[in-house]
Amino acid sequence: MKVSRRSQLVPPSATMAVDSRAKAMKAEGIDVVGFGAGEPDYDTPQYIKQAAIDAINNGKTKYTATPGVPELRKAISEKLKRENNLDYTPEQIIVNIGAKHSVYEVMQAVLDPDDEVILPVPYWVTYPETIKLAGAIAKIIITDPAKEYKITAEQLKKTITHKTAMFVLNSPNNPGGFTYTPDELRQLAAVLEGTNVMVMSDEIYERLVYGDTKFVSFASLSKDAYSRTLTINGFSKSYAMTGWRLGYTAGPKEVIRAMDRLQSHMTQNPVSFCQAAAATAFSDPQGEVEKMRAEFEKRGKYMAQRLNAIAGVKCPQPTGAFYCFPDVSSHYGRTIGNVKIKDSMDFAAQLLEQAQVALVPGGAFGCDKNVRLSFATSMQQIKKGLDRLENWLKS
């Protein structure tokens, strides 16, 4: 049976693998606490669901324009202007089948074989694989935990070569839970001036920031930043619409047109009635996004405090997204439950099997010293899972 070399190069998503194993154990009747998948535990707000029902009843079940219906692209354009200080016309916007699809299409539309892409660690698991599938080369940049795992302007400057085609920026960050400050972003933007490097700015967690953290879109920093940036966002995280599969990309018309051509041969268009619902999402009449954000902030504070209270665990306080990313490497080399823990994969696997707690090994994100825990679950589950983790490490 022939299987392409391309497909064999790409491993399955580590986050989905952990979630699948945890779900399988739950199906067997095992009480598993899941900190794996990055999915809000809230239901999609009712006004969005009702808009989809109305769209179906009104016959919006046919093909649409490949880059999305005009109403949705206009709504996105207005949102970007209102909330992000970004002037994108609807023609500069394409709606994709989730932000993951946006990332894939951006890589396919921009990169050529042997192009280099600057990818700071920690990175979302899908970034290196989409770079690989485009035939390009990921230049992995190791960041400093003391600087909250953020790439510095000096590191960026040293890494750029004549082969550098793109810089991947993700703030707020998955898995790190950190957010670049406006000043840090300005320093990075200054380094890129005068280069041919494009920026893919993944801003899917923009509404989920905590404390006095201020979110700024990279493309809004300057005319130069605007001209080189592809801004990716979507509805999954802020509006609890993970299963609806709607993301979007805004940027230079030439790239958006290229993505349009690719998408016309991939999916034709995003789901018609989902688009109709998404066009209403930004209205948020009951303030549902803020309710979720405030609850996530409480959970994140609690989880980080609990993790830092466990011997041998160091965890930065998350300023965005809904993840804690603790360093647990002081426990590597130990034998727990007759199994020697060698790395993050062992840590995650044995914690799941021995203590029934699911989290994601940091090796999947380029940081083998760490593991990722999602606090997009109830406080009750968080307390139960952290109790189990603490007791397991004491055993």
Protein backbone atom coordinates (compact mmCIF):
# COMPACT_ATOMS: atom_id res chain seq x y z
CA MET A 1 0.00 0.00 0.00
CA LYS A 2 1.57 3.27 -1.11
CA VAL A 3 1.60 6.19 1.32
CA SER A 4 3.28 9.47 0.37
CA ARG A 5 6.58 10.46 1.92
CA ARG A 6 5.02 13.82 2.66
CA SER A 7 2.34 12.34 4.88
CA GLN A 8 4.85 10.13 6.68
CA LEU A 9 6.94 13.17 7.63
CA VAL A 10 4.11 14.61 9.70
CA PRO A 11 3.32 13.11 13.13
CA PRO A 12 -0.21 13.27 14.55
CA SER A 13 -1.03 16.26 16.73
CA ALA A 14 0.24 15.60 20.26
CA THR A 15 -2.57 17.63 21.78
CA MET A 16 -5.22 15.60 19.98
CA ALA A 17 -3.43 12.32 20.77
CA VAL A 18 -3.55 13.03 24.50
CA ASP A 19 -7.17 14.11 24.29
CA SER A 20 -8.07 10.95 22.35
CA ARG A 21 -6.41 8.67 24.92
CA ALA A 22 -8.12 10.49 27.77
CA LYS A 23 -11.51 10.17 26.06
CA ALA A 24 -10.91 6.46 25.46
CA MET A 25 -10.17 5.97 29.17
CA LYS A 26 -13.30 7.91 30.10
CA ALA A 27 -15.32 5.68 27.77
CA GLU A 28 -14.03 2.73 29.81
CA GLY A 29 -15.48 4.32 32.93
CA ILE A 30 -12.19 5.72 34.26
CA ASP A 31 -12.39 9.09 36.02
CA VAL A 32 -9.88 11.14 34.03
CA VAL A 33 -9.17 14.82 34.64
CA GLY A 34 -8.40 16.37 31.27
CA PHE A 35 -5.96 19.27 30.96
CA GLY A 36 -5.16 18.37 27.36
CA ALA A 37 -7.14 19.96 24.58
CA GLY A 38 -7.26 23.72 24.09
CA GLU A 39 -11.03 24.02 23.99
CA PRO A 40 -13.27 26.27 26.10
CA ASP A 41 -15.55 24.31 28.40
CA TYR A 42 -18.33 26.79 27.68
CA ASP A 43 -21.08 26.22 25.14
CA THR A 44 -21.34 28.48 22.11
CA PRO A 45 -23.47 31.52 23.09
CA GLN A 46 -27.14 31.08 22.29
CA TYR A 47 -27.40 34.11 19.99
CA ILE A 48 -24.76 32.58 17.70
CA LYS A 49 -26.47 29.19 17.67
CA GLN A 50 -29.81 30.82 16.90
CA ALA A 51 -28.27 32.71 13.97
CA ALA A 52 -27.09 29.40 12.49
CA ILE A 53 -30.53 27.83 12.96
CA ASP A 54 -32.15 30.82 11.29
CA ALA A 55 -29.67 30.62 8.41
CA ILE A 56 -30.49 26.96 7.82
CA ASN A 57 -34.22 27.65 7.95
CA ASN A 58 -33.75 30.51 5.49
CA GLY A 59 -32.00 28.26 2.98
CA LYS A 60 -28.41 29.41 3.48
CA THR A 61 -27.12 25.92 2.74
CA LYS A 62 -25.51 26.39 -0.68
CA TYR A 63 -22.03 27.14 -1.95
CA THR A 64 -20.75 30.60 -1.09
CA ALA A 65 -17.93 32.73 -2.46
CA THR A 66 -14.62 30.96 -1.83
CA PRO A 67 -13.16 33.59 0.54
CA GLY A 68 -16.39 33.86 2.51
CA VAL A 69 -19.69 35.67 2.23
CA PRO A 70 -19.50 39.47 1.86
CA GLU A 71 -21.43 40.01 5.10
CA LEU A 72 -18.89 38.11 7.17
CA ARG A 73 -15.83 39.63 5.53
CA LYS A 74 -17.33 43.08 6.06
CA ALA A 75 -18.03 42.27 9.72
CA ILE A 76 -14.42 41.08 10.15
CA SER A 77 -13.13 44.23 8.45
CA GLU A 78 -15.15 46.41 10.81
CA LYS A 79 -14.03 44.38 13.83
CA LEU A 80 -10.35 44.74 12.89
CA LYS A 81 -10.76 48.49 12.52
CA ARG A 82 -12.75 48.89 15.73
CA GLU A 83 -10.75 46.61 18.01
CA ASN A 84 -7.30 46.33 16.43
CA ASN A 85 -6.77 49.66 14.67
CA LEU A 86 -6.27 47.80 11.37
CA ASP A 87 -7.59 49.02 8.03
CA TYR A 88 -8.29 45.90 5.97
CA THR A 89 -10.85 45.98 3.20
CA PRO A 90 -13.05 42.89 2.76
CA GLU A 91 -10.91 42.06 -0.30
CA GLN A 92 -7.92 41.71 2.03
CA ILE A 93 -9.70 39.07 4.12
CA ILE A 94 -10.30 35.37 3.56
CA VAL A 95 -12.38 33.11 5.80
CA ASN A 96 -10.86 29.66 6.33
CA ILE A 97 -11.95 26.35 7.85
CA GLY A 98 -10.59 27.22 11.29
CA ALA A 99 -7.42 29.15 12.13
CA LYS A 100 -5.42 25.92 11.73
CA HIS A 101 -6.46 25.94 8.07
CA SER A 102 -5.48 29.61 7.92
CA VAL A 103 -1.97 28.71 9.09
CA TYR A 104 -1.68 25.92 6.53
CA GLU A 105 -2.84 28.13 3.67
CA VAL A 106 -0.51 30.98 4.64
CA MET A 107 2.46 28.61 4.54
CA GLN A 108 1.37 27.22 1.17
CA ALA A 109 0.73 30.66 -0.30
CA VAL A 110 3.97 32.31 0.87
CA LEU A 111 6.70 29.69 1.17
CA ASP A 112 8.80 27.95 -1.45
CA PRO A 113 11.04 24.91 -0.95
CA ASP A 114 14.15 25.71 1.11
CA ASP A 115 12.81 29.04 2.37
CA GLU A 116 13.62 29.54 6.04
CA VAL A 117 11.01 30.35 8.69
CA ILE A 118 12.00 31.74 12.08
CA LEU A 119 10.09 29.80 14.71
CA PRO A 120 10.60 30.64 18.40
CA VAL A 121 10.26 27.95 21.06
CA PRO A 122 7.75 27.18 22.49
CA TYR A 123 5.63 26.90 19.36
CA TRP A 124 2.18 25.50 18.67
CA VAL A 125 2.51 21.91 17.43
CA THR A 126 1.07 22.65 13.98
CA TYR A 127 3.55 25.38 12.97
CA PRO A 128 6.61 23.20 12.21
CA GLU A 129 4.49 20.63 10.39
CA THR A 130 2.85 23.20 8.09
CA ILE A 131 6.30 24.67 7.38
CA LYS A 132 7.53 21.18 6.53
CA LEU A 133 4.56 20.49 4.24
CA ALA A 134 5.39 23.67 2.31
CA GLY A 135 8.90 22.32 1.70
CA ALA A 136 10.43 25.08 3.82
CA ILE A 137 12.84 24.87 6.75
CA ALA A 138 11.98 25.86 10.31
CA LYS A 139 14.80 27.71 12.06
CA ILE A 140 14.06 26.91 15.68
CA ILE A 141 15.05 29.65 18.15
CA ILE A 142 15.50 28.61 21.76
CA THR A 143 14.14 31.23 24.12
CA ASP A 144 14.98 32.03 27.74
CA PRO A 145 12.54 30.98 30.49
CA ALA A 146 13.80 33.96 32.51
CA LYS A 147 12.41 36.19 29.75
CA GLU A 148 9.09 34.35 29.70
CA TYR A 149 10.15 32.31 26.65
CA LYS A 150 9.88 35.35 24.34
CA ILE A 151 12.22 35.86 21.40
CA THR A 152 14.26 39.06 21.75
CA ALA A 153 15.03 41.61 19.06
CA GLU A 154 18.69 40.60 19.28
CA GLN A 155 17.88 36.95 18.67
CA LEU A 156 15.64 37.82 15.73
CA LYS A 157 18.29 40.04 14.14
CA LYS A 158 20.98 37.36 14.44
CA THR A 159 18.75 34.72 12.86
CA ILE A 160 17.70 36.54 9.69
CA THR A 161 19.54 35.49 6.53
CA HIS A 162 18.99 35.96 2.80
CA LYS A 163 16.90 32.76 2.94
CA THR A 164 14.52 33.99 5.64
CA ALA A 165 11.02 34.28 4.22
CA MET A 166 8.84 34.41 7.34
CA PHE A 167 8.77 35.02 11.06
CA VAL A 168 6.05 33.24 13.07
CA LEU A 169 4.60 35.22 15.96
CA ASN A 170 1.97 33.88 18.36
CA SER A 171 0.79 36.23 21.10
CA PRO A 172 -0.94 35.41 23.40
CA ASN A 173 1.01 32.21 23.12
CA ASN A 174 0.01 28.57 22.95
CA PRO A 175 1.47 26.71 24.87
CA GLY A 176 3.37 29.29 26.91
CA GLY A 177 0.50 31.44 28.16
CA PHE A 178 2.68 34.55 27.75
CA THR A 179 1.93 37.74 25.82
CA TYR A 180 4.38 40.13 24.15
CA THR A 181 4.16 43.70 25.40
CA PRO A 182 3.63 46.54 22.89
CA ASP A 183 7.23 47.67 23.42
CA GLU A 184 8.60 44.16 22.80
CA LEU A 185 6.59 43.97 19.58
CA ARG A 186 7.86 47.37 18.45
CA GLN A 187 11.44 46.19 18.96
CA LEU A 188 10.80 43.11 16.82
CA ALA A 189 9.11 45.23 14.13
CA ALA A 190 12.11 47.57 14.02
CA VAL A 191 14.45 44.63 13.31
CA LEU A 192 12.33 43.56 10.34
CA GLU A 193 12.34 46.97 8.65
CA GLY A 194 14.36 46.87 5.43
CA THR A 195 14.09 43.07 5.10
CA ASN A 196 11.91 40.87 2.90
CA VAL A 197 10.67 38.83 5.84
CA MET A 198 6.92 38.37 6.14
CA VAL A 199 5.23 37.92 9.51
CA MET A 200 2.50 35.45 10.29
CA SER A 201 0.87 36.83 13.44
CA ASP A 202 -1.46 34.27 15.01
CA GLU A 203 -3.79 36.27 17.27
CA ILE A 204 -6.44 33.64 17.97
CA TYR A 205 -6.24 34.27 21.77
CA GLU A 206 -6.36 38.08 21.56
CA ARG A 207 -9.48 38.47 23.71
CA LEU A 208 -8.12 36.20 26.45
CA VAL A 209 -5.60 38.41 28.27
CA TYR A 210 -5.24 38.89 32.02
CA GLY A 211 -4.17 41.42 34.64
CA ASP A 212 -2.85 44.64 33.14
CA THR A 213 -1.78 42.91 29.92
CA LYS A 214 -2.46 45.00 26.83
CA PHE A 215 -2.97 43.20 23.53
CA VAL A 216 -1.71 44.89 20.35
CA SER A 217 -1.94 43.51 16.80
CA PHE A 218 1.50 43.34 15.23
CA ALA A 219 0.30 44.81 11.93
CA SER A 220 -0.96 47.94 13.73
CA LEU A 221 2.51 48.96 14.91
CA SER A 222 3.59 50.78 11.74
CA LYS A 223 3.08 51.03 8.00
CA ASP A 224 6.03 48.70 7.53
CA ALA A 225 4.59 46.10 9.93
CA TYR A 226 1.21 46.35 8.22
CA SER A 227 2.73 45.77 4.78
CA ARG A 228 4.51 42.54 5.75
CA THR A 229 2.02 40.94 8.16
CA LEU A 230 -0.59 38.26 7.70
CA THR A 231 -2.96 38.51 10.65
CA ILE A 232 -4.67 35.25 11.64
CA ASN A 233 -7.63 35.05 13.98
CA GLY A 234 -10.86 33.11 14.40
CA PHE A 235 -13.91 32.32 16.47
CA SER A 236 -12.92 29.10 18.27
CA LYS A 237 -11.39 30.42 21.48
CA SER A 238 -13.08 33.75 22.24
CA TYR A 239 -16.57 32.63 21.24
CA ALA A 240 -16.38 28.93 22.23
CA MET A 241 -16.90 27.88 18.61
CA THR A 242 -14.21 25.21 18.21
CA GLY A 243 -16.43 22.77 16.31
CA TRP A 244 -17.72 25.41 13.91
CA ARG A 245 -14.30 25.55 12.18
CA LEU A 246 -14.04 29.20 11.21
CA GLY A 247 -10.84 31.20 11.08
CA TYR A 248 -9.73 34.11 8.98
CA THR A 249 -6.64 35.75 7.53
CA ALA A 250 -6.13 39.43 6.71
CA GLY A 251 -3.16 40.83 4.85
CA PRO A 252 -1.71 41.99 1.53
CA LYS A 253 -4.10 41.46 -1.38
CA GLU A 254 -1.58 39.41 -3.36
CA VAL A 255 -1.30 36.80 -0.62
CA ILE A 256 -5.03 36.74 0.10
CA ARG A 257 -5.70 36.17 -3.62
CA ALA A 258 -3.19 33.31 -3.62
CA MET A 259 -4.95 31.77 -0.62
CA ASP A 260 -8.27 32.23 -2.42
CA ARG A 261 -6.95 30.25 -5.38
CA LEU A 262 -5.68 27.47 -3.14
CA GLN A 263 -8.87 27.32 -1.11
CA SER A 264 -10.99 27.06 -4.25
CA HIS A 265 -9.34 23.66 -4.86
CA MET A 266 -9.32 22.55 -1.21
CA THR A 267 -12.67 23.24 0.43
CA GLN A 268 -14.46 25.54 -2.03
CA ASN A 269 -15.79 27.71 0.81
CA PRO A 270 -16.39 27.75 4.57
CA VAL A 271 -19.72 26.24 5.72
CA SER A 272 -22.51 28.57 4.62
CA PHE A 273 -24.70 28.69 7.72
CA CYS A 274 -21.67 28.84 10.05
CA GLN A 275 -20.59 31.99 8.26
CA ALA A 276 -24.00 33.54 8.78
CA ALA A 277 -23.75 32.83 12.51
CA ALA A 278 -20.17 34.12 12.76
CA ALA A 279 -21.19 37.45 11.27
CA THR A 280 -23.32 37.99 14.40
CA ALA A 281 -20.66 36.83 16.89
CA PHE A 282 -18.90 40.16 17.22
CA SER A 283 -22.05 41.82 18.56
CA ASP A 284 -21.84 39.81 21.83
CA PRO A 285 -25.00 41.40 23.28
CA GLN A 286 -24.73 39.72 26.69
CA GLY A 287 -21.00 40.18 27.17
CA GLU A 288 -20.35 36.43 27.00
CA VAL A 289 -16.69 36.84 25.96
CA GLU A 290 -15.87 38.94 29.02
CA LYS A 291 -17.60 36.46 31.32
CA MET A 292 -15.47 33.64 29.93
CA ARG A 293 -12.29 35.74 30.03
CA ALA A 294 -12.82 36.71 33.68
CA GLU A 295 -13.39 33.10 34.70
CA PHE A 296 -10.32 31.91 32.78
CA GLU A 297 -8.26 34.56 34.59
CA LYS A 298 -9.35 33.23 37.99
CA ARG A 299 -8.56 29.68 36.97
CA GLY A 300 -5.16 30.61 35.55
CA LYS A 301 -4.13 32.39 38.75
CA TYR A 302 -5.19 29.45 40.86
CA MET A 303 -3.50 26.85 38.66
CA ALA A 304 -0.18 28.71 38.50
CA GLN A 305 -0.16 29.23 42.28
CA ARG A 306 -0.87 25.55 42.92
CA LEU A 307 1.78 24.41 40.46
CA ASN A 308 4.44 26.68 41.96
CA ALA A 309 3.62 25.29 45.40
CA ILE A 310 4.57 21.77 44.25
CA ALA A 311 8.19 20.86 44.96
CA GLY A 312 10.34 20.90 41.83
CA VAL A 313 7.77 22.62 39.62
CA LYS A 314 8.27 26.15 38.22
CA CYS A 315 5.42 27.85 36.39
CA PRO A 316 5.21 31.41 34.99
CA GLN A 317 1.91 33.19 35.65
CA PRO A 318 -0.06 33.11 32.37
CA THR A 319 -0.93 36.53 30.93
CA GLY A 320 -3.01 35.20 28.04
CA ALA A 321 -4.65 32.16 26.39
CA PHE A 322 -5.73 29.41 28.82
CA TYR A 323 -2.56 27.43 29.47
CA CYS A 324 0.03 26.96 32.18
CA PHE A 325 3.41 25.76 30.96
CA PRO A 326 5.41 24.58 33.98
CA ASP A 327 8.97 23.27 33.96
CA VAL A 328 8.81 19.81 35.58
CA SER A 329 12.26 18.61 34.51
CA SER A 330 13.57 18.37 38.09
CA HIS A 331 11.48 15.20 38.31
CA TYR A 332 13.15 13.58 35.29
CA GLY A 333 15.35 10.68 36.31
CA ARG A 334 12.99 9.71 39.13
CA THR A 335 11.17 6.41 39.30
CA ILE A 336 7.46 6.85 39.93
CA GLY A 337 5.23 3.80 40.07
CA ASN A 338 8.15 1.54 39.04
CA VAL A 339 8.65 3.61 35.85
CA LYS A 340 11.65 5.88 35.32
CA ILE A 341 10.61 9.30 34.03
CA LYS A 342 13.05 10.31 31.29
CA ASP A 343 11.33 13.19 29.54
CA SER A 344 8.05 15.09 29.07
CA MET A 345 6.49 12.23 27.11
CA ASP A 346 7.14 9.80 29.97
CA PHE A 347 5.87 12.36 32.45
CA ALA A 348 2.59 12.85 30.58
CA ALA A 349 2.08 9.16 29.80
CA GLN A 350 2.69 7.96 33.34
CA LEU A 351 0.66 10.73 34.93
CA LEU A 352 -2.28 9.69 32.75
CA GLU A 353 -1.93 5.97 33.40
CA GLN A 354 -1.04 6.15 37.10
CA ALA A 355 -3.00 9.19 38.30
CA GLN A 356 -5.61 9.62 35.55
CA VAL A 357 -4.59 13.21 34.71
CA ALA A 358 -4.17 14.18 31.05
CA LEU A 359 -1.78 16.94 30.00
CA VAL A 360 0.43 17.52 26.97
CA PRO A 361 4.19 16.81 26.87
CA GLY A 362 6.26 19.90 26.23
CA GLY A 363 8.46 18.12 23.72
CA ALA A 364 5.63 18.55 21.21
CA PHE A 365 6.09 22.31 21.56
CA GLY A 366 9.89 22.25 21.41
CA CYS A 367 10.34 22.46 25.22
CA ASP A 368 10.97 19.00 26.63
CA LYS A 369 11.47 20.35 30.16
CA ASN A 370 7.86 21.50 30.26
CA VAL A 371 4.31 20.19 30.11
CA ARG A 372 1.15 22.07 29.14
CA LEU A 373 -2.00 22.17 31.23
CA SER A 374 -5.16 23.80 29.92
CA PHE A 375 -7.33 25.60 32.48
CA ALA A 376 -10.29 25.65 30.08
CA THR A 377 -12.12 23.35 32.45
CA SER A 378 -14.08 23.81 35.68
CA MET A 379 -12.42 24.90 38.91
CA GLN A 380 -13.63 21.67 40.48
CA GLN A 381 -11.76 19.64 37.86
CA ILE A 382 -8.68 21.85 38.18
CA LYS A 383 -8.53 21.29 41.94
CA LYS A 384 -9.05 17.55 41.57
CA GLY A 385 -6.42 17.23 38.85
CA LEU A 386 -3.81 19.30 40.68
CA ASP A 387 -4.39 17.29 43.87
CA ARG A 388 -3.72 14.13 41.88
CA LEU A 389 -0.63 15.62 40.23
CA GLU A 390 0.80 16.75 43.57
CA ASN A 391 0.17 13.40 45.23
CA TRP A 392 1.63 11.53 42.25
CA LEU A 393 4.86 13.56 42.43
CA LYS A 394 5.09 12.88 46.18
CA SER A 395 4.78 9.11 45.67
